[in-house]
Every structure is written in C-alpha cells, then in structure tokens.
Amino acid sequence: PGTIRVAQPCHLFRGRRHAEIFANMKAQSLQYSSNTRLWRVCAAPLASDVRWGDLRRSLHLRTASTVVGIALAVGLFFAFIPVVVIVTSLAKIIYLGPLQPLWAGLAPTIGLMLFLGLLPTVLLTIFRAFFVLRANALAQHVLQLWYFAFELVFVVLVTAVGQSLAGKLKHLAEEPTSVFSVLAENLPTATHFYMNYLVLQWGAHAMEMLRVSILAKYLFFRVLFTPQESQERSEPESQDSYGIGARSTKVAINMVLGLLFSSVSPIIPILAMIDFALARLLYGYLMIYTETRKPDLGGAFWVTQLYHVQLGLLLYCILMVGLLEWKAPGQFAAIIVAPSLLFVAWSHLHLRQSFRWQKLPFQEVAFKCEDILQMQREEELGTSEEELLGATYVQPELTASDHS
C-alpha cells in the first residue's frame, strides 16, 4: 500500500519502556519542540481500530466539524423533550378497558425505554460523521458521556423536569436554591415509575441474552448461504446499543437510581441489586463466550462510571437536604446535612486530581517484571525465564520485554 499522510501521526517503539520514556518526557519538564502546539502525546489505539479518515482532517476542518456535531447533539437533546412528553402520556391517550391499570403502570416506562434504546444509534451517527475520533473505541467513550446526560435527564430527573426543560432551567437560573425543593417535591412521588423501570431492565437484559437481532440475521442469511457463512455474516452484534459505551451508561443509571432512592424508597435499592446480579450473570457470559471482543481504553469507561456514580451521590445529598427542609420542623436538620454536599464535591475533585490511572508509573513498567522474575528464580531454581513467563501469568503492563 502507498504512504498514508495524516495530520496526527503514530510512532512505533521497540518496547513499552521506550514508549513510556518518550511519553513521560513532558512530565519531566522536557520539551519536544519550541512550539507547544506541535506535539500532543497520547497512547496509540489498536491499528485495526484507528479511524484514518479522521486523522487526515486538517485542524480547521476538525474544529468546524466538531462544532457542528455538538450543535446537532444539543439540538437532539431538546428535540427529544416532546417525544418524552408524548410517550409518558400514552396511558392517558390510549384506553385499553380492563387492561387499563396494567397499561397505565407499564406503558410510560416501556415507551421511554424503547425510545432511549434508539438514542445510541442516532448519537453515534452524529459522532462518527462530525467528531474527530482517533479510534472507534473513543466513539464508545464519547457516547457514554452524552448518553448518560440523556438518561440522567429523561430517566432519573424526568418527573422533576416535567414537560418543560427550558422552563425548569430558567426557574433554576433565577432561583438556584430552588433545586432542593424541586427534587424533594417531585421525585419521591414517582417511586412506582422507577420501580417499574428497574424491573423492566431485567427483561431488557434477558432480551440481550437471546440475541434476537443476531438470530434474525442468521435465519435470513441461512436461506442463501451455508450455516458457517450465515454465522459469519450475522456477526458481530451492533456496537450502538450493545457496545461498552451504552451498556456502561445503563448500568451507571441503575446504580444512580439505587443510590438516589435508598432512603426514600428502600425497595428500590433491592431491585437495583437484583438488576446488577442479573447483569453480572448475563453479561459475564455474553461478553466472554458469545459476543465479539469489545474495544478497551484501559479503564476509561470504568472511571467515567465512577464519576457518574459520584454525581448520583450529589443528587442524593440534594434530595435529602430538600426533604429535610420541606418535611422537618425548622431548618436545623437541613443545615446539619448540607455540608455533605461539600464533602461529595471534594471527593470528586480528589478522585479526578489525585489518582493518575491513565498509565502506570515508569518504575513499575520498566522494573517490576524483573523483581517478579527474581522472586520466581529463587523459588524455582533451574527454570528458564521463558518457562517462568509461560507458566506464570504476568500482567502485560509489567512485562519489561523489548518486543513491540
């Protein structure tokens, strides 16, 4: 193949030690160039996952397309509001006679889940077309961030937002302290909605276990091709709804619901625990034995989930302060618990600033493996280094091999 010219080149090194030395030069106050905008160092994704078309874009084109993509995503956010209003009103619009009580209890939740299930596809279409992404795995991470915002507003806060998001935002801008009363007056009165949502999530997990879309594609191709060819053509599963980004968001939202209503409705955390047990069982099987391997960013999805859970803790504190201010006699109880907001905010900043999870320290990368091998040599004299590495698992990040 011919030479590929890109605006963001990738450099290869003999081994991890050389790459870490180069990547840590900036951390050691060494400059690559007098122009601070000339170099931006980051870990390269897998070659098969690189989006070469995005790397070829010029700086001005990348900036313009990103602005357009953000505008479309924000526009989708506000355009989704009337959809949610119509879906949550289905129980009142359609009357099913004797089945009306069941319909009134499940229709809003099922309708909301169906439309939220379509959002990952729409969002990823926008991201892939306008955002500049080095790899497809980054698209999943961007989806996790945006999809969580949608789920937070239209699932967790849907009863507080009501039919007018713009009106609520205007009211909160005029009176910021009213956020306590808004959550306290609206969320506790809709606990049955959140119970239904968590219970229906169990069915959603079971549907993913059935892999209905893969089965449908296999049966279609089976008419034209052999079983082996039909299986190859039906895989992999859609990375829009079944990717690690969308799944990480759904799990985080369920965790937020369990935390948020842990004091208001103690049965909701129990339902959330059952949901996590089912998710661990079903996805533990699907992702390891059935589905294709998901792209990984070295822990970015998990750390983002921690940030989202801490946001859920902040909402819990706001809800509790509002309830105590509204229900308790006097303001003394609300004043006592109000400092918890500062503690949660400090914990979030501490997590972001104090823990450097993006890469291992150079000392561990370069020398930790030698320490492990030395200990093994003392225990198993006469065994070669190759045999030790083959017989004992060593985390790849700790391997001091010079092979790329």
Foldseek 3Di string as FASTA:
>chain_A
DDDQDFQADDDDALAPLVLVVVQCCVVVVHDPDPDPVNDDDDDAFDPVFFDSVLRRDDPVLQVVLVVVLVVVLVVVLVVCLVVLVVQLCVLVVDADPPCSVVCNLQRSLVSLVVVLLCVLVVSLVSCVVRHRDGGVLVSLQVLLVSSLVSCCCSPVVVQLCDRHVPVVVVVCVVPVLCVLQSLQVGVLVPVSSLVSNLVVLLVVLVVVLVVVQLVVQLVVCVVPDPNVVSNVVSDDDDCRNPNPSNVLSVLLSLLLQLLQCCPSDVVSVVSSVVSVVSCCVRVVCCQPPNHDHHGDQQCSSVVVSVLSNLVSVLNSLSNVLSNCCVPPPDNPVSVVSVCVNVVSVVVSVCSVPVDDRNADDSCQQAPVVVVVQVVVCVVPPPDDPVVVCVVDPDPPSNDNDSHD
